[in-house]
Amino acid sequence: MKPAGVVRKVDQLGRIVLPKSLRKRYQMNEGDPVEILVSGDHIILERYRPRCVFCSNMEQVSEFKERHICSVCLSEMNEMKPKQRA
């Protein structure tokens, strides 16, 4: 992890402001979801990308009934359908 050389204070509500230069570099816009990850003593912010609820894959993910599922798991589920009906 490379330090950005920017120091910000946390306000009373626990917020910090990401500098415009960082938002621009990482293509983060107002309203974009951000995921907060913790690794040891580090807090990591990254743009949110939905993951499959079954395998955590982030490629070719679609939303179904407010859940995310990848095309691989969806195919596997479709293959199971005829077996369950018999």
PDB file of N, CA and C in Angstrom:
ATOM      1  N   MET A   1       0.846  -1.166   0.000  1.00  0.00           N
ATOM      2  CA  MET A   1       0.000   0.000   0.000  1.00  0.00           C
ATOM      3  C   MET A   1       0.896   1.234   0.000  1.00  0.00           C
ATOM      4  N   LYS A   2       0.674   2.114  -0.939  1.00  0.00           N
ATOM      5  CA  LYS A   2       1.488   3.317  -1.074  1.00  0.00           C
ATOM      6  C   LYS A   2       0.786   4.501  -0.410  1.00  0.00           C
ATOM      7  N   PRO A   3       1.457   5.223   0.502  1.00  0.00           N
ATOM      8  CA  PRO A   3       0.811   6.376   1.138  1.00  0.00           C
ATOM      9  C   PRO A   3       0.564   7.493   0.125  1.00  0.00           C
ATOM     10  N   ALA A   4      -0.578   8.193   0.294  1.00  0.00           N
ATOM     11  CA  ALA A   4      -0.935   9.275  -0.623  1.00  0.00           C
ATOM     12  C   ALA A   4      -0.337  10.603  -0.175  1.00  0.00           C
ATOM     13  N   GLY A   5       0.167  10.680   1.059  1.00  0.00           N
ATOM     14  CA  GLY A   5       0.755  11.919   1.539  1.00  0.00           C
ATOM     15  C   GLY A   5      -0.276  12.970   1.911  1.00  0.00           C
ATOM     16  N   VAL A   6      -1.502  12.554   2.183  1.00  0.00           N
ATOM     17  CA  VAL A   6      -2.579  13.470   2.535  1.00  0.00           C
ATOM     18  C   VAL A   6      -3.078  13.117   3.932  1.00  0.00           C
ATOM     19  N   VAL A   7      -3.229  14.130   4.783  1.00  0.00           N
ATOM     20  CA  VAL A   7      -3.739  13.914   6.132  1.00  0.00           C
ATOM     21  C   VAL A   7      -5.062  14.661   6.270  1.00  0.00           C
ATOM     22  N   ARG A   8      -6.076  13.970   6.752  1.00  0.00           N
ATOM     23  CA  ARG A   8      -7.390  14.572   6.989  1.00  0.00           C
ATOM     24  C   ARG A   8      -7.827  14.231   8.399  1.00  0.00           C
ATOM     25  N   LYS A   9      -8.605  15.131   9.003  1.00  0.00           N
ATOM     26  CA  LYS A   9      -9.152  14.871  10.335  1.00  0.00           C
ATOM     27  C   LYS A   9     -10.558  14.296  10.192  1.00  0.00           C
ATOM     28  N   VAL A  10     -10.916  13.442  11.135  1.00  0.00           N
ATOM     29  CA  VAL A  10     -12.254  12.870  11.205  1.00  0.00           C
ATOM     30  C   VAL A  10     -13.143  13.897  11.904  1.00  0.00           C
ATOM     31  N   ASP A  11     -14.324  14.206  11.323  1.00  0.00           N
ATOM     32  CA  ASP A  11     -15.209  15.186  11.957  1.00  0.00           C
ATOM     33  C   ASP A  11     -16.063  14.527  13.044  1.00  0.00           C
ATOM     34  N   GLN A  12     -16.956  15.298  13.660  1.00  0.00           N
ATOM     35  CA  GLN A  12     -17.774  14.808  14.779  1.00  0.00           C
ATOM     36  C   GLN A  12     -18.653  13.622  14.399  1.00  0.00           C
ATOM     37  N   LEU A  13     -19.020  13.528  13.126  1.00  0.00           N
ATOM     38  CA  LEU A  13     -19.874  12.435  12.679  1.00  0.00           C
ATOM     39  C   LEU A  13     -19.079  11.263  12.126  1.00  0.00           C
ATOM     40  N   GLY A  14     -17.754  11.315  12.253  1.00  0.00           N
ATOM     41  CA  GLY A  14     -16.913  10.217  11.796  1.00  0.00           C
ATOM     42  C   GLY A  14     -16.571  10.284  10.317  1.00  0.00           C
ATOM     43  N   ARG A  15     -16.817  11.414   9.671  1.00  0.00           N
ATOM     44  CA  ARG A  15     -16.578  11.541   8.235  1.00  0.00           C
ATOM     45  C   ARG A  15     -15.183  12.074   7.952  1.00  0.00           C
ATOM     46  N   ILE A  16     -14.684  11.701   6.792  1.00  0.00           N
ATOM     47  CA  ILE A  16     -13.459  12.294   6.261  1.00  0.00           C
ATOM     48  C   ILE A  16     -13.754  12.717   4.830  1.00  0.00           C
ATOM     49  N   VAL A  17     -12.982  13.660   4.331  1.00  0.00           N
ATOM     50  CA  VAL A  17     -13.155  14.111   2.953  1.00  0.00           C
ATOM     51  C   VAL A  17     -11.998  13.570   2.127  1.00  0.00           C
ATOM     52  N   LEU A  18     -12.337  12.876   1.029  1.00  0.00           N
ATOM     53  CA  LEU A  18     -11.302  12.413   0.110  1.00  0.00           C
ATOM     54  C   LEU A  18     -10.934  13.581  -0.801  1.00  0.00           C
ATOM     55  N   PRO A  19      -9.652  13.889  -0.910  1.00  0.00           N
ATOM     56  CA  PRO A  19      -9.248  15.006  -1.772  1.00  0.00           C
ATOM     57  C   PRO A  19      -9.708  14.799  -3.220  1.00  0.00           C
ATOM     58  N   LYS A  20     -10.024  15.898  -3.877  1.00  0.00           N
ATOM     59  CA  LYS A  20     -10.503  15.850  -5.252  1.00  0.00           C
ATOM     60  C   LYS A  20      -9.529  15.117  -6.165  1.00  0.00           C
ATOM     61  N   SER A  21      -8.226  15.328  -5.943  1.00  0.00           N
ATOM     62  CA  SER A  21      -7.230  14.671  -6.796  1.00  0.00           C
ATOM     63  C   SER A  21      -7.315  13.147  -6.691  1.00  0.00           C
ATOM     64  N   LEU A  22      -7.586  12.612  -5.488  1.00  0.00           N
ATOM     65  CA  LEU A  22      -7.729  11.165  -5.318  1.00  0.00           C
ATOM     66  C   LEU A  22      -9.034  10.662  -5.928  1.00  0.00           C
ATOM     67  N   ARG A  23     -10.119  11.426  -5.719  1.00  0.00           N
ATOM     68  CA  ARG A  23     -11.397  11.022  -6.312  1.00  0.00           C
ATOM     69  C   ARG A  23     -11.295  10.981  -7.830  1.00  0.00           C
ATOM     70  N   LYS A  24     -10.601  11.946  -8.387  1.00  0.00           N
ATOM     71  CA  LYS A  24     -10.438  11.996  -9.844  1.00  0.00           C
ATOM     72  C   LYS A  24      -9.564  10.842 -10.328  1.00  0.00           C
ATOM     73  N   ARG A  25      -8.442  10.604  -9.647  1.00  0.00           N
ATOM     74  CA  ARG A  25      -7.517   9.532 -10.041  1.00  0.00           C
ATOM     75  C   ARG A  25      -8.186   8.168 -10.015  1.00  0.00           C
ATOM     76  N   TYR A  26      -9.033   7.944  -9.014  1.00  0.00           N
ATOM     77  CA  TYR A  26      -9.672   6.637  -8.860  1.00  0.00           C
ATOM     78  C   TYR A  26     -11.122   6.628  -9.352  1.00  0.00           C
ATOM     79  N   GLN A  27     -11.483   7.640 -10.107  1.00  0.00           N
ATOM     80  CA  GLN A  27     -12.796   7.742 -10.743  1.00  0.00           C
ATOM     81  C   GLN A  27     -13.933   7.507  -9.755  1.00  0.00           C
ATOM     82  N   MET A  28     -13.888   8.229  -8.636  1.00  0.00           N
ATOM     83  CA  MET A  28     -14.934   8.147  -7.622  1.00  0.00           C
ATOM     84  C   MET A  28     -15.771   9.410  -7.709  1.00  0.00           C
ATOM     85  N   ASN A  29     -17.076   9.249  -7.885  1.00  0.00           N
ATOM     86  CA  ASN A  29     -17.976  10.377  -8.029  1.00  0.00           C
ATOM     87  C   ASN A  29     -18.958  10.425  -6.870  1.00  0.00           C
ATOM     88  N   GLU A  30     -19.588  11.581  -6.707  1.00  0.00           N
ATOM     89  CA  GLU A  30     -20.586  11.743  -5.663  1.00  0.00           C
ATOM     90  C   GLU A  30     -21.669  10.682  -5.823  1.00  0.00           C
ATOM     91  N   GLY A  31     -21.993  10.013  -4.738  1.00  0.00           N
ATOM     92  CA  GLY A  31     -23.035   8.993  -4.762  1.00  0.00           C
ATOM     93  C   GLY A  31     -22.528   7.593  -5.057  1.00  0.00           C
ATOM     94  N   ASP A  32     -21.267   7.449  -5.468  1.00  0.00           N
ATOM     95  CA  ASP A  32     -20.719   6.114  -5.732  1.00  0.00           C
ATOM     96  C   ASP A  32     -20.586   5.341  -4.419  1.00  0.00           C
ATOM     97  N   PRO A  33     -20.954   4.057  -4.423  1.00  0.00           N
ATOM     98  CA  PRO A  33     -20.777   3.267  -3.202  1.00  0.00           C
ATOM     99  C   PRO A  33     -19.300   2.956  -2.962  1.00  0.00           C
ATOM    100  N   VAL A  34     -18.908   2.986  -1.694  1.00  0.00           N
ATOM    101  CA  VAL A  34     -17.531   2.714  -1.290  1.00  0.00           C
ATOM    102  C   VAL A  34     -17.560   1.599  -0.252  1.00  0.00           C
ATOM    103  N   GLU A  35     -16.699   0.617  -0.432  1.00  0.00           N
ATOM    104  CA  GLU A  35     -16.607  -0.491   0.513  1.00  0.00           C
ATOM    105  C   GLU A  35     -15.491  -0.192   1.507  1.00  0.00           C
ATOM    106  N   ILE A  36     -15.748  -0.457   2.781  1.00  0.00           N
ATOM    107  CA  ILE A  36     -14.751  -0.241   3.835  1.00  0.00           C
ATOM    108  C   ILE A  36     -14.250  -1.602   4.282  1.00  0.00           C
ATOM    109  N   LEU A  37     -12.954  -1.832   4.097  1.00  0.00           N
ATOM    110  CA  LEU A  37     -12.329  -3.101   4.459  1.00  0.00           C
ATOM    111  C   LEU A  37     -11.338  -2.856   5.591  1.00  0.00           C
ATOM    112  N   VAL A  38     -11.133  -3.851   6.423  1.00  0.00           N
ATOM    113  CA  VAL A  38     -10.181  -3.761   7.519  1.00  0.00           C
ATOM    114  C   VAL A  38      -9.175  -4.886   7.379  1.00  0.00           C
ATOM    115  N   SER A  39      -7.886  -4.534   7.463  1.00  0.00           N
ATOM    116  CA  SER A  39      -6.809  -5.517   7.403  1.00  0.00           C
ATOM    117  C   SER A  39      -5.792  -5.153   8.471  1.00  0.00           C
ATOM    118  N   GLY A  40      -5.830  -5.883   9.577  1.00  0.00           N
ATOM    119  CA  GLY A  40      -4.933  -5.559  10.686  1.00  0.00           C
ATOM    120  C   GLY A  40      -5.243  -4.168  11.216  1.00  0.00           C
ATOM    121  N   ASP A  41      -4.249  -3.284  11.210  1.00  0.00           N
ATOM    122  CA  ASP A  41      -4.423  -1.905  11.674  1.00  0.00           C
ATOM    123  C   ASP A  41      -4.830  -0.962  10.551  1.00  0.00           C
ATOM    124  N   HIS A  42      -5.095  -1.485   9.373  1.00  0.00           N
ATOM    125  CA  HIS A  42      -5.374  -0.645   8.208  1.00  0.00           C
ATOM    126  C   HIS A  42      -6.860  -0.625   7.881  1.00  0.00           C
ATOM    127  N   ILE A  43      -7.359   0.549   7.532  1.00  0.00           N
ATOM    128  CA  ILE A  43      -8.715   0.712   7.010  1.00  0.00           C
ATOM    129  C   ILE A  43      -8.550   1.020   5.532  1.00  0.00           C
ATOM    130  N   ILE A  44      -9.187   0.221   4.684  1.00  0.00           N
ATOM    131  CA  ILE A  44      -9.021   0.346   3.241  1.00  0.00           C
ATOM    132  C   ILE A  44     -10.352   0.732   2.621  1.00  0.00           C
ATOM    133  N   LEU A  45     -10.346   1.776   1.800  1.00  0.00           N
ATOM    134  CA  LEU A  45     -11.532   2.196   1.063  1.00  0.00           C
ATOM    135  C   LEU A  45     -11.351   1.791  -0.383  1.00  0.00           C
ATOM    136  N   GLU A  46     -12.380   1.201  -0.969  1.00  0.00           N
ATOM    137  CA  GLU A  46     -12.308   0.905  -2.396  1.00  0.00           C
ATOM    138  C   GLU A  46     -13.702   1.033  -2.994  1.00  0.00           C
ATOM    139  N   ARG A  47     -13.728   1.307  -4.289  1.00  0.00           N
ATOM    140  CA  ARG A  47     -15.007   1.387  -4.976  1.00  0.00           C
ATOM    141  C   ARG A  47     -15.720   0.056  -4.820  1.00  0.00           C
ATOM    142  N   TYR A  48     -16.998   0.105  -4.503  1.00  0.00           N
ATOM    143  CA  TYR A  48     -17.779  -1.113  -4.290  1.00  0.00           C
ATOM    144  C   TYR A  48     -18.067  -1.782  -5.618  1.00  0.00           C
ATOM    145  N   ARG A  49     -17.822  -3.057  -5.676  1.00  0.00           N
ATOM    146  CA  ARG A  49     -18.211  -3.897  -6.810  1.00  0.00           C
ATOM    147  C   ARG A  49     -18.962  -5.084  -6.238  1.00  0.00           C
ATOM    148  N   PRO A  50     -20.187  -5.318  -6.713  1.00  0.00           N
ATOM    149  CA  PRO A  50     -20.968  -6.428  -6.155  1.00  0.00           C
ATOM    150  C   PRO A  50     -20.294  -7.776  -6.387  1.00  0.00           C
ATOM    151  N   ARG A  51     -20.446  -8.672  -5.401  1.00  0.00           N
ATOM    152  CA  ARG A  51     -19.887 -10.022  -5.468  1.00  0.00           C
ATOM    153  C   ARG A  51     -21.031 -11.031  -5.454  1.00  0.00           C
ATOM    154  N   CYS A  52     -20.802 -12.153  -6.070  1.00  0.00           N
ATOM    155  CA  CYS A  52     -21.777 -13.250  -6.071  1.00  0.00           C
ATOM    156  C   CYS A  52     -21.974 -13.740  -4.634  1.00  0.00           C
ATOM    157  N   VAL A  53     -23.228 -13.931  -4.239  1.00  0.00           N
ATOM    158  CA  VAL A  53     -23.521 -14.389  -2.872  1.00  0.00           C
ATOM    159  C   VAL A  53     -23.045 -15.812  -2.624  1.00  0.00           C
ATOM    160  N   PHE A  54     -22.816 -16.583  -3.684  1.00  0.00           N
ATOM    161  CA  PHE A  54     -22.405 -17.970  -3.525  1.00  0.00           C
ATOM    162  C   PHE A  54     -20.896 -18.166  -3.567  1.00  0.00           C
ATOM    163  N   CYS A  55     -20.208 -17.523  -4.513  1.00  0.00           N
ATOM    164  CA  CYS A  55     -18.778 -17.799  -4.702  1.00  0.00           C
ATOM    165  C   CYS A  55     -17.884 -16.562  -4.564  1.00  0.00           C
ATOM    166  N   SER A  56     -18.468 -15.390  -4.334  1.00  0.00           N
ATOM    167  CA  SER A  56     -17.750 -14.116  -4.183  1.00  0.00           C
ATOM    168  C   SER A  56     -17.083 -13.623  -5.464  1.00  0.00           C
ATOM    169  N   ASN A  57     -17.404 -14.217  -6.596  1.00  0.00           N
ATOM    170  CA  ASN A  57     -16.879 -13.766  -7.890  1.00  0.00           C
ATOM    171  C   ASN A  57     -17.402 -12.352  -8.170  1.00  0.00           C
ATOM    172  N   MET A  58     -16.568 -11.508  -8.774  1.00  0.00           N
ATOM    173  CA  MET A  58     -16.989 -10.155  -9.101  1.00  0.00           C
ATOM    174  C   MET A  58     -17.154  -9.949 -10.606  1.00  0.00           C
ATOM    175  N   GLU A  59     -17.010 -11.020 -11.396  1.00  0.00           N
ATOM    176  CA  GLU A  59     -17.140 -10.930 -12.849  1.00  0.00           C
ATOM    177  C   GLU A  59     -18.544 -11.356 -13.272  1.00  0.00           C
ATOM    178  N   GLN A  60     -19.119 -10.657 -14.201  1.00  0.00           N
ATOM    179  CA  GLN A  60     -20.434 -10.970 -14.787  1.00  0.00           C
ATOM    180  C   GLN A  60     -21.486 -11.220 -13.705  1.00  0.00           C
ATOM    181  N   VAL A  61     -21.645 -10.247 -12.805  1.00  0.00           N
ATOM    182  CA  VAL A  61     -22.585 -10.356 -11.694  1.00  0.00           C
ATOM    183  C   VAL A  61     -23.878  -9.619 -12.046  1.00  0.00           C
ATOM    184  N   SER A  62     -25.006 -10.284 -11.825  1.00  0.00           N
ATOM    185  CA  SER A  62     -26.318  -9.696 -12.051  1.00  0.00           C
ATOM    186  C   SER A  62     -27.078  -9.659 -10.732  1.00  0.00           C
ATOM    187  N   GLU A  63     -28.090  -8.803 -10.666  1.00  0.00           N
ATOM    188  CA  GLU A  63     -28.912  -8.722  -9.466  1.00  0.00           C
ATOM    189  C   GLU A  63     -30.211  -9.475  -9.673  1.00  0.00           C
ATOM    190  N   PHE A  64     -30.589 -10.277  -8.684  1.00  0.00           N
ATOM    191  CA  PHE A  64     -31.848 -11.017  -8.704  1.00  0.00           C
ATOM    192  C   PHE A  64     -32.456 -10.961  -7.311  1.00  0.00           C
ATOM    193  N   LYS A  65     -33.638 -10.389  -7.189  1.00  0.00           N
ATOM    194  CA  LYS A  65     -34.335 -10.259  -5.906  1.00  0.00           C
ATOM    195  C   LYS A  65     -33.422  -9.676  -4.827  1.00  0.00           C
ATOM    196  N   GLU A  66     -32.780  -8.567  -5.167  1.00  0.00           N
ATOM    197  CA  GLU A  66     -31.899  -7.811  -4.269  1.00  0.00           C
ATOM    198  C   GLU A  66     -30.661  -8.589  -3.813  1.00  0.00           C
ATOM    199  N   ARG A  67     -30.301  -9.627  -4.551  1.00  0.00           N
ATOM    200  CA  ARG A  67     -29.076 -10.395  -4.301  1.00  0.00           C
ATOM    201  C   ARG A  67     -28.276 -10.422  -5.580  1.00  0.00           C
ATOM    202  N   HIS A  68     -26.966 -10.600  -5.450  1.00  0.00           N
ATOM    203  CA  HIS A  68     -26.093 -10.645  -6.616  1.00  0.00           C
ATOM    204  C   HIS A  68     -25.635 -12.071  -6.877  1.00  0.00           C
ATOM    205  N   ILE A  69     -25.655 -12.455  -8.157  1.00  0.00           N
ATOM    206  CA  ILE A  69     -25.247 -13.803  -8.542  1.00  0.00           C
ATOM    207  C   ILE A  69     -24.462 -13.725  -9.852  1.00  0.00           C
ATOM    208  N   CYS A  70     -23.372 -14.491  -9.935  1.00  0.00           N
ATOM    209  CA  CYS A  70     -22.543 -14.472 -11.147  1.00  0.00           C
ATOM    210  C   CYS A  70     -23.110 -15.431 -12.188  1.00  0.00           C
ATOM    211  N   SER A  71     -22.662 -15.278 -13.423  1.00  0.00           N
ATOM    212  CA  SER A  71     -23.177 -16.102 -14.522  1.00  0.00           C
ATOM    213  C   SER A  71     -22.816 -17.579 -14.341  1.00  0.00           C
ATOM    214  N   VAL A  72     -21.678 -17.871 -13.718  1.00  0.00           N
ATOM    215  CA  VAL A  72     -21.270 -19.269 -13.505  1.00  0.00           C
ATOM    216  C   VAL A  72     -22.233 -19.953 -12.532  1.00  0.00           C
ATOM    217  N   CYS A  73     -22.508 -19.319 -11.405  1.00  0.00           N
ATOM    218  CA  CYS A  73     -23.420 -19.913 -10.426  1.00  0.00           C
ATOM    219  C   CYS A  73     -24.834 -19.997 -10.990  1.00  0.00           C
ATOM    220  N   LEU A  74     -25.242 -19.002 -11.763  1.00  0.00           N
ATOM    221  CA  LEU A  74     -26.563 -19.025 -12.379  1.00  0.00           C
ATOM    222  C   LEU A  74     -26.684 -20.217 -13.333  1.00  0.00           C
ATOM    223  N   SER A  75     -25.649 -20.467 -14.117  1.00  0.00           N
ATOM    224  CA  SER A  75     -25.649 -21.627 -15.022  1.00  0.00           C
ATOM    225  C   SER A  75     -25.755 -22.929 -14.252  1.00  0.00           C
ATOM    226  N   GLU A  76     -24.989 -23.029 -13.150  1.00  0.00           N
ATOM    227  CA  GLU A  76     -25.037 -24.241 -12.332  1.00  0.00           C
ATOM    228  C   GLU A  76     -26.428 -24.442 -11.746  1.00  0.00           C
ATOM    229  N   MET A  77     -27.072 -23.355 -11.340  1.00  0.00           N
ATOM    230  CA  MET A  77     -28.421 -23.466 -10.785  1.00  0.00           C
ATOM    231  C   MET A  77     -29.406 -23.905 -11.861  1.00  0.00           C
ATOM    232  N   ASN A  78     -29.245 -23.382 -13.063  1.00  0.00           N
ATOM    233  CA  ASN A  78     -30.140 -23.780 -14.164  1.00  0.00           C
ATOM    234  C   ASN A  78     -29.968 -25.249 -14.516  1.00  0.00           C
ATOM    235  N   GLU A  79     -28.747 -25.768 -14.391  1.00  0.00           N
ATOM    236  CA  GLU A  79     -28.506 -27.188 -14.662  1.00  0.00           C
ATOM    237  C   GLU A  79     -29.187 -28.070 -13.616  1.00  0.00           C
ATOM    238  N   MET A  80     -29.344 -27.563 -12.409  1.00  0.00           N
ATOM    239  CA  MET A  80     -29.961 -28.332 -11.329  1.00  0.00           C
ATOM    240  C   MET A  80     -31.472 -28.407 -11.469  1.00  0.00           C
ATOM    241  N   LYS A  81     -32.094 -27.455 -12.111  1.00  0.00           N
ATOM    242  CA  LYS A  81     -33.554 -27.384 -12.172  1.00  0.00           C
ATOM    243  C   LYS A  81     -34.209 -28.670 -12.657  1.00  0.00           C
ATOM    244  N   PRO A  82     -33.835 -29.243 -13.803  1.00  0.00           N
ATOM    245  CA  PRO A  82     -34.519 -30.475 -14.258  1.00  0.00           C
ATOM    246  C   PRO A  82     -34.394 -31.623 -13.280  1.00  0.00           C
ATOM    247  N   LYS A  83     -33.277 -31.716 -12.567  1.00  0.00           N
ATOM    248  CA  LYS A  83     -33.074 -32.813 -11.618  1.00  0.00           C
ATOM    249  C   LYS A  83     -34.028 -32.703 -10.438  1.00  0.00           C
ATOM    250  N   GLN A  84     -34.361 -31.481 -10.027  1.00  0.00           N
ATOM    251  CA  GLN A  84     -35.230 -31.287  -8.881  1.00  0.00           C
ATOM    252  C   GLN A  84     -36.677 -31.586  -9.225  1.00  0.00           C
ATOM    253  N   ARG A  85     -37.082 -31.420 -10.481  1.00  0.00           N
ATOM    254  CA  ARG A  85     -38.470 -31.640 -10.874  1.00  0.00           C
ATOM    255  C   ARG A  85     -38.808 -33.125 -10.999  1.00  0.00           C
ATOM    256  N   ALA A  86     -37.828 -33.951 -11.254  1.00  0.00           N
ATOM    257  CA  ALA A  86     -38.078 -35.382 -11.479  1.00  0.00           C
ATOM    258  C   ALA A  86     -38.382 -36.110 -10.186  1.00  0.00           C
TER     259      ALA A  86
END
